[in-house]
Protein backbone atom coordinates (compact mmCIF):
# COMPACT_ATOMS: atom_id res chain seq x y z
CA MET A 1 87.73 69.66 30.48
CA ILE A 2 84.58 69.14 28.52
CA LYS A 3 83.47 65.58 28.04
CA ILE A 4 81.81 64.83 24.57
CA GLU A 5 79.38 62.18 24.55
CA THR A 6 79.51 60.12 21.22
CA THR A 7 76.38 58.61 19.59
CA LYS A 8 77.59 55.40 20.94
CA HIS A 9 77.14 56.42 24.52
CA ARG A 10 73.92 58.14 23.99
CA ASN A 11 72.35 54.94 22.50
CA ASN A 12 73.87 52.93 25.38
CA LYS A 13 72.10 55.21 28.07
CA GLU A 14 68.94 54.98 26.16
CA ASN A 15 68.97 51.30 25.70
CA ASN A 16 69.63 51.05 29.57
CA LYS A 17 66.58 53.25 30.55
CA GLU A 18 64.40 51.05 28.25
CA ASP A 19 65.74 47.83 30.02
CA GLU A 20 64.68 49.39 33.16
CA GLN A 21 61.21 50.39 32.19
CA ASN A 22 60.70 46.93 30.58
CA LYS A 23 61.81 45.17 34.20
CA LYS A 24 59.04 47.36 35.80
CA VAL A 25 56.40 46.23 33.35
CA LEU A 26 57.19 42.61 33.22
CA PRO A 27 56.12 41.53 36.69
CA THR A 28 52.61 42.69 35.84
CA THR A 29 52.09 41.23 32.51
CA ASN A 30 53.74 37.84 33.02
CA ILE A 31 53.00 36.03 29.75
CA PHE A 32 53.73 32.68 31.51
CA ASN A 33 50.69 32.99 33.77
CA VAL A 34 48.75 29.84 33.19
CA GLU A 35 45.72 30.96 34.80
CA LYS A 36 45.26 34.06 32.65
CA LEU A 37 45.60 32.29 29.42
CA GLU A 38 43.73 29.04 30.35
CA HIS A 39 40.71 30.64 28.78
CA LEU A 40 42.21 30.67 25.53
CA LYS A 41 42.37 26.96 25.59
CA THR A 42 38.59 26.57 25.95
CA THR A 43 37.31 29.20 23.61
CA PRO A 44 35.10 27.45 20.99
CA ILE A 45 35.17 27.98 17.36
CA SER A 46 31.75 29.52 16.33
CA SER A 47 30.76 27.78 13.08
CA PRO A 48 27.20 26.79 11.64
CA CYS A 49 28.27 23.25 10.71
CA PHE A 50 29.05 22.10 14.32
CA ALA A 51 27.04 21.77 17.22
CA THR A 52 29.64 21.67 19.72
CA SER A 53 33.40 22.71 20.02
CA PHE A 54 35.98 21.03 17.72
CA TYR A 55 38.17 20.23 20.90
CA SER A 56 35.49 18.44 22.96
CA ASN A 57 35.79 14.66 23.45
CA LYS A 58 32.92 14.49 25.86
CA THR A 59 29.45 13.09 25.02
CA LEU A 60 26.12 14.35 26.27
CA PHE A 61 25.01 11.09 27.76
CA SER A 62 26.61 8.06 29.32
CA PRO A 63 26.64 4.56 27.28
CA THR A 64 23.85 3.41 29.77
CA GLN A 65 21.77 6.25 28.85
CA GLN A 66 22.52 5.99 24.96
CA MET A 67 21.14 2.41 25.12
CA PHE A 68 18.09 3.39 26.94
CA LEU A 69 17.31 6.06 24.58
CA SER A 70 17.92 3.87 21.61
CA PHE A 71 15.54 1.31 23.16
CA LEU A 72 12.96 4.00 23.79
CA LEU A 73 13.24 5.07 20.22
CA PHE A 74 12.70 1.35 18.93
CA ILE A 75 9.75 1.10 20.94
CA VAL A 76 8.11 4.34 19.62
CA LEU A 77 8.94 3.37 15.99
CA PHE A 78 7.38 -0.03 16.61
CA VAL A 79 4.30 1.52 18.17
CA LEU A 80 3.79 3.95 15.32
CA PHE A 81 4.36 1.42 12.69
CA LEU A 82 2.42 -1.28 13.77
CA PRO A 83 -1.17 0.03 13.68
CA VAL A 84 -0.43 1.38 10.05
CA GLN A 85 0.21 -2.29 9.19
CA ILE A 86 -3.00 -3.61 10.89
CA GLU A 87 -5.07 -1.00 9.37
CA ALA A 88 -3.57 -1.74 5.66
CA GLN A 89 -4.49 -5.42 5.88
CA SER A 90 -8.07 -5.01 7.65
CA ASN A 91 -8.87 -2.27 4.96
CA GLY A 92 -7.82 -4.75 1.98
CA LYS A 93 -10.62 -6.93 0.24
CA CYS A 94 -10.49 -9.47 -2.75
CA TYR A 95 -13.28 -10.45 -4.95
CA SER A 96 -13.06 -13.77 -6.50
CA PHE A 97 -14.56 -15.71 -9.52
CA ALA A 98 -15.75 -19.35 -9.79
CA PRO A 99 -12.69 -21.74 -10.06
CA GLY A 100 -11.31 -21.65 -13.76
CA LEU A 101 -12.44 -18.09 -14.69
CA THR A 102 -9.65 -15.61 -14.98
CA ILE A 103 -8.36 -12.52 -17.13
CA LEU A 104 -5.12 -13.34 -18.92
CA GLY A 105 -2.25 -10.97 -19.29
CA ALA A 106 -0.53 -8.21 -17.07
CA ASP A 107 1.56 -10.58 -15.00
CA TYR A 108 4.53 -9.00 -13.20
CA ARG A 109 5.42 -11.57 -10.25
CA ARG A 110 5.09 -15.09 -9.46
CA ASP A 111 5.58 -17.13 -6.07
CA PHE A 112 5.22 -20.71 -5.34
CA GLY A 113 4.09 -22.64 -2.12
CA LEU A 114 1.76 -20.02 -0.99
CA SER A 115 -1.70 -20.64 0.54
CA ARG A 116 -4.57 -18.79 -1.10
CA ARG A 117 -4.98 -16.34 1.75
CA GLN A 118 -1.05 -15.69 1.77
CA CYS A 119 -1.57 -15.07 -2.04
CA ALA A 120 -4.64 -12.65 -1.20
CA ASP A 121 -2.48 -10.97 1.55
CA VAL A 122 0.31 -10.06 -0.77
CA CYS A 123 -1.86 -8.50 -3.33
CA LYS A 124 -3.69 -6.45 -0.89
CA THR A 125 -0.51 -5.17 0.52
CA ASP A 126 1.09 -4.55 -2.82
CA VAL A 127 0.45 -1.19 -4.09
CA CYS A 128 0.95 -2.30 -7.82
CA CYS A 129 -1.37 -5.28 -7.59
CA MET A 130 -4.74 -5.29 -8.94
CA ALA A 131 -5.63 -9.00 -9.19
CA PHE A 132 -4.03 -12.44 -8.50
CA GLU A 133 -4.27 -15.89 -9.72
CA TRP A 134 -3.78 -18.95 -7.54
CA GLN A 135 -3.40 -22.41 -8.37
CA ARG A 136 -3.68 -25.30 -5.64
CA ILE A 137 -1.21 -27.62 -7.37
CA GLY A 138 2.16 -26.17 -6.09
CA GLY A 139 0.67 -22.94 -4.45
CA GLN A 140 1.36 -21.04 -7.45
CA CYS A 141 0.75 -17.08 -7.07
CA THR A 142 0.73 -14.82 -9.84
CA LEU A 143 0.24 -11.22 -9.19
CA LYS A 144 -1.33 -8.89 -12.19
CA SER A 145 -0.64 -5.17 -12.33
CA ARG A 146 -3.12 -2.24 -12.75
CA SER A 147 -2.62 -2.53 -16.64
CA LEU A 148 -4.90 -5.30 -16.62
CA ASN A 149 -7.22 -5.34 -19.51
CA GLY A 150 -9.21 -8.27 -21.02
CA THR A 151 -11.95 -10.50 -21.14
CA VAL A 152 -13.03 -13.19 -18.71
CA VAL A 153 -12.13 -16.67 -19.90
CA ASN A 154 -12.95 -20.24 -18.50
CA LEU A 155 -9.58 -22.26 -18.42
CA GLY A 156 -11.57 -25.23 -17.29
CA ILE A 157 -13.86 -25.47 -20.15
CA SER A 158 -10.95 -24.60 -22.71
CA ASN A 159 -9.16 -27.79 -21.30
CA VAL A 160 -12.04 -30.38 -21.77
CA ASP A 161 -10.53 -31.57 -24.97
CA GLU A 162 -7.22 -32.11 -23.49
CA ASN A 163 -6.08 -34.56 -20.97
CA ALA A 164 -7.43 -34.67 -17.65
CA GLU A 165 -4.55 -33.26 -15.76
CA LYS A 166 -4.76 -29.82 -17.62
CA SER A 167 -8.39 -29.93 -17.05
CA ASN A 168 -8.09 -29.98 -13.25
CA ASP A 169 -5.33 -27.30 -13.24
CA GLY A 170 -8.16 -25.13 -14.84
CA LYS A 171 -10.77 -26.03 -12.05
CA ASP A 172 -8.05 -25.50 -9.29
CA LEU A 173 -7.21 -22.11 -10.59
CA LEU A 174 -8.53 -19.14 -8.64
CA PHE A 175 -8.64 -15.49 -9.92
CA ALA A 176 -9.73 -12.58 -7.76
CA LEU A 177 -9.65 -8.63 -7.91
CA CYS A 178 -8.26 -6.88 -4.96
CA LEU A 179 -8.94 -3.24 -3.57
CA ASP A 180 -7.74 -1.32 -0.58
CA TYR A 181 -10.37 0.70 0.98
CA GLY A 182 -7.72 2.60 3.12
CA ASP A 183 -5.74 4.00 0.40
CA SER A 184 -7.06 6.64 -2.16
CA GLU A 185 -5.23 5.29 -4.96
CA ARG A 186 -6.57 1.83 -4.60
CA ASP A 187 -10.07 2.05 -2.96
CA ARG A 188 -11.47 1.57 -6.64
CA PHE A 189 -10.09 0.69 -10.04
CA TRP A 190 -8.95 3.94 -11.59
CA ASP A 191 -8.72 4.26 -15.33
CA HIS A 192 -10.55 0.93 -15.56
CA GLU A 193 -14.16 0.12 -16.74
CA LEU A 194 -15.64 -3.16 -15.47
CA GLY A 195 -17.91 -4.28 -18.17
CA GLY A 196 -21.07 -6.68 -18.52
CA PRO A 197 -24.86 -6.62 -18.44
CA ILE A 198 -26.04 -3.17 -17.66
CA VAL A 199 -28.84 -2.86 -15.01
CA ALA A 200 -29.08 0.80 -15.08
CA THR A 201 -27.35 3.91 -16.41
CA LYS A 202 -27.57 7.51 -15.60
CA ILE A 203 -25.99 10.69 -16.97
CA ASP A 204 -24.58 13.85 -15.25
CA VAL A 205 -23.71 12.04 -12.00
CA GLU A 206 -21.11 13.40 -9.69
CA ARG A 207 -18.09 11.17 -9.18
CA GLU A 208 -18.62 10.39 -5.63
CA ASN A 209 -22.43 9.57 -6.01
CA CYS A 210 -22.30 6.74 -8.81
CA ALA A 211 -21.94 4.04 -6.16
CA LYS A 212 -24.88 5.56 -4.50
CA VAL A 213 -26.93 5.51 -7.57
CA CYS A 214 -26.16 1.93 -8.28
CA THR A 215 -26.89 0.88 -4.80
CA GLU A 216 -30.84 1.77 -5.50
CA PHE A 217 -30.45 -1.00 -8.17
CA SER A 218 -28.77 -3.65 -5.90
CA THR A 219 -30.60 -6.50 -4.07
CA ILE A 220 -27.20 -7.85 -2.44
CA LYS A 221 -28.59 -8.27 1.11
CA LYS A 222 -31.71 -10.21 0.02
CA ARG A 223 -29.52 -12.35 -2.54
CA LYS A 224 -27.11 -13.16 0.08
CA ILE A 225 -29.65 -14.44 2.52
CA THR A 226 -31.04 -17.05 0.09
CA ILE A 227 -27.38 -18.01 -0.95
CA GLU A 228 -26.54 -18.69 2.66
CA LYS A 229 -29.60 -21.01 3.35
CA VAL A 230 -28.58 -23.02 0.58
CA GLU A 231 -24.86 -23.06 1.44
CA GLU A 232 -25.70 -24.21 5.11
CA GLU A 233 -27.25 -27.30 3.84
CA GLU A 234 -24.26 -28.08 1.70
CA ASP A 235 -21.72 -26.93 4.14
CA LYS A 236 -23.05 -30.12 6.60
CA GLU A 237 -22.18 -32.61 4.03
CA ASP A 238 -18.62 -31.33 3.11
CA GLU A 239 -17.12 -29.81 6.17
CA GLY A 240 -13.97 -31.83 5.72
CA GLU A 241 -12.81 -30.41 2.34
CA GLU A 242 -10.03 -27.91 2.00
CA PHE A 243 -12.13 -25.16 0.52
CA ASP A 244 -14.24 -24.83 3.42
CA ASN A 245 -11.98 -22.58 5.48
CA PHE A 246 -11.25 -20.09 2.77
CA LYS A 247 -13.50 -17.11 1.96
CA LEU A 248 -11.98 -14.20 0.27
CA SER A 249 -14.70 -11.93 0.79
CA GLU A 250 -18.23 -11.85 2.44
CA LEU A 251 -19.95 -12.07 -0.97
CA THR A 252 -17.85 -12.89 -4.08
CA LEU A 253 -18.99 -11.61 -7.63
CA PHE A 254 -21.41 -14.59 -8.25
CA ALA A 255 -21.57 -16.30 -4.83
CA ARG A 256 -19.82 -16.73 -1.66
CA ASN A 257 -18.45 -20.21 -1.14
CA ILE A 258 -15.79 -21.27 -3.31
CA LYS A 259 -16.24 -24.97 -2.54
CA ARG A 260 -19.60 -25.11 -3.61
CA ARG A 261 -18.66 -23.28 -7.03
CA ALA A 262 -15.96 -25.84 -7.70
CA LYS A 263 -18.38 -28.60 -7.86
CA ARG A 264 -21.07 -27.22 -10.24
CA PRO A 265 -21.76 -24.31 -12.43
CA ILE A 266 -22.56 -20.72 -11.34
CA HIS A 267 -26.31 -19.64 -10.64
CA LYS A 268 -27.13 -23.29 -9.64
CA PHE A 269 -29.57 -22.23 -6.61
CA PRO A 270 -33.21 -22.88 -7.57
CA LYS A 271 -34.43 -19.58 -6.16
CA ILE A 272 -32.10 -17.43 -7.95
CA GLU A 273 -32.32 -19.44 -11.26
CA LYS A 274 -36.14 -19.10 -11.11
CA SER A 275 -35.90 -15.28 -10.65
CA LEU A 276 -33.45 -15.14 -13.52
CA SER A 277 -35.71 -17.28 -15.74
CA SER A 278 -38.69 -15.17 -14.93
CA GLY A 279 -37.36 -12.07 -16.57
CA LYS A 280 -36.38 -10.23 -13.61
CA GLU A 281 -33.08 -8.21 -13.65
CA ALA A 282 -30.00 -9.45 -11.73
CA PRO A 283 -29.01 -7.04 -9.14
CA ALA A 284 -26.14 -4.77 -9.55
CA VAL A 285 -22.75 -5.51 -8.01
CA ILE A 286 -20.59 -3.16 -9.84
CA TYR A 287 -20.51 0.58 -10.73
CA ASN A 288 -18.77 2.45 -13.43
CA TRP A 289 -18.27 6.27 -13.86
CA ARG A 290 -16.66 7.83 -16.96
CA PRO A 291 -16.74 11.79 -17.86
CA VAL A 292 -19.02 12.83 -20.40
CA ASP A 293 -16.20 14.57 -22.30
CA PRO A 294 -13.25 11.86 -22.79
CA THR A 295 -10.71 14.87 -23.46
CA ASP A 296 -11.91 16.41 -19.88
CA MET A 297 -10.78 13.60 -17.41
CA GLU A 298 -11.12 16.18 -14.48
CA SER A 299 -14.83 16.94 -15.30
CA PRO A 300 -16.81 16.65 -12.02
CA LEU A 301 -19.90 15.09 -13.81
CA GLY A 302 -20.07 12.05 -16.05
CA GLU A 303 -21.92 8.79 -16.91
CA CYS A 304 -22.65 6.22 -14.34
CA GLN A 305 -23.45 2.57 -15.23
CA CYS A 306 -24.47 -0.35 -13.01
CA ILE A 307 -23.27 -3.84 -13.80
CA SER A 308 -24.67 -7.11 -12.63
CA VAL A 309 -22.04 -9.64 -13.72
CA LEU A 310 -18.40 -9.00 -14.73
CA GLN A 311 -17.47 -9.91 -18.21
CA HIS A 312 -14.48 -7.85 -18.98
CA ILE A 313 -11.97 -5.19 -17.91
CA LYS A 314 -11.25 -2.08 -20.29
CA LEU A 315 -8.48 0.20 -19.64
CA ASN A 316 -10.08 3.94 -19.99
CA PHE A 317 -8.18 6.90 -18.93
CA GLY A 318 -10.36 9.12 -16.73
CA SER A 319 -12.97 6.33 -15.78
CA PHE A 320 -13.00 4.43 -12.33
CA SER A 321 -15.31 1.43 -11.18
CA GLY A 322 -15.68 -0.67 -8.12
CA PHE A 323 -17.80 -2.95 -6.21
CA LEU A 324 -21.01 -2.36 -4.45
CA ILE A 325 -20.41 -5.46 -1.85
């Protein structure tokens, strides 16, 4: 008797064979083997936006190390920043007028309760400040911007016809122009001309040579010695006054000691008055440079003027000016 296998039986046999083969393969490829699959848990994701793997919750440094690094960073920044501040203050210099003299306008900031030196320090460190006014009553400090433009006026004289209180306010007012020789943007008065009596003028002078040209017409050192001798005698009489301890610069526009100038008019020294009355030219203390062609502000050559006394400040783009002292 012949047995005929149906399709159902054939399928069952094939399935049994496949099951036997699977049983032989499974022990060698156990998908539940944790050791073989452990590396899948720690495989980092490559991404340009992350420096470490997304799954890591560990830091590179301990809390103690982080505190030490933060402290070290603070020390480094402090050491780097401190010399810049000291240098900025040491390079700043202000040139003062006699009390009561000022140039009106261009005010942009005002504080109260400041000393003269504090007011000067604020202007020297402010990049927008070109000059300042300070009043002894109330310690009022007014900063003036680099748009300053005008003529020197005497508020003390203008208030003579008014009450005594306003007149004293004019005499107690101090005006000064400030520069910062450590900053190329403030080492001179860019786009400004400081006008007054011209001691000498020369054409076709290079930009950086104007100050050297005017130095030839300056007798600052000789004049300074004469002023100091007279000041030494006066200082012995009034050492207790408030103005004694304040000097904005080694030599101001007209004379050095503010105390002396508050008491009597400028050029009150006998030897200086004698030289001026005899027809001799006053020394140059200011230099101006302007391009020959006003439309060519980048021209390397221009006109150089040497000024003896400041009388006005004029805005003139392309020009610059400064002090020889």
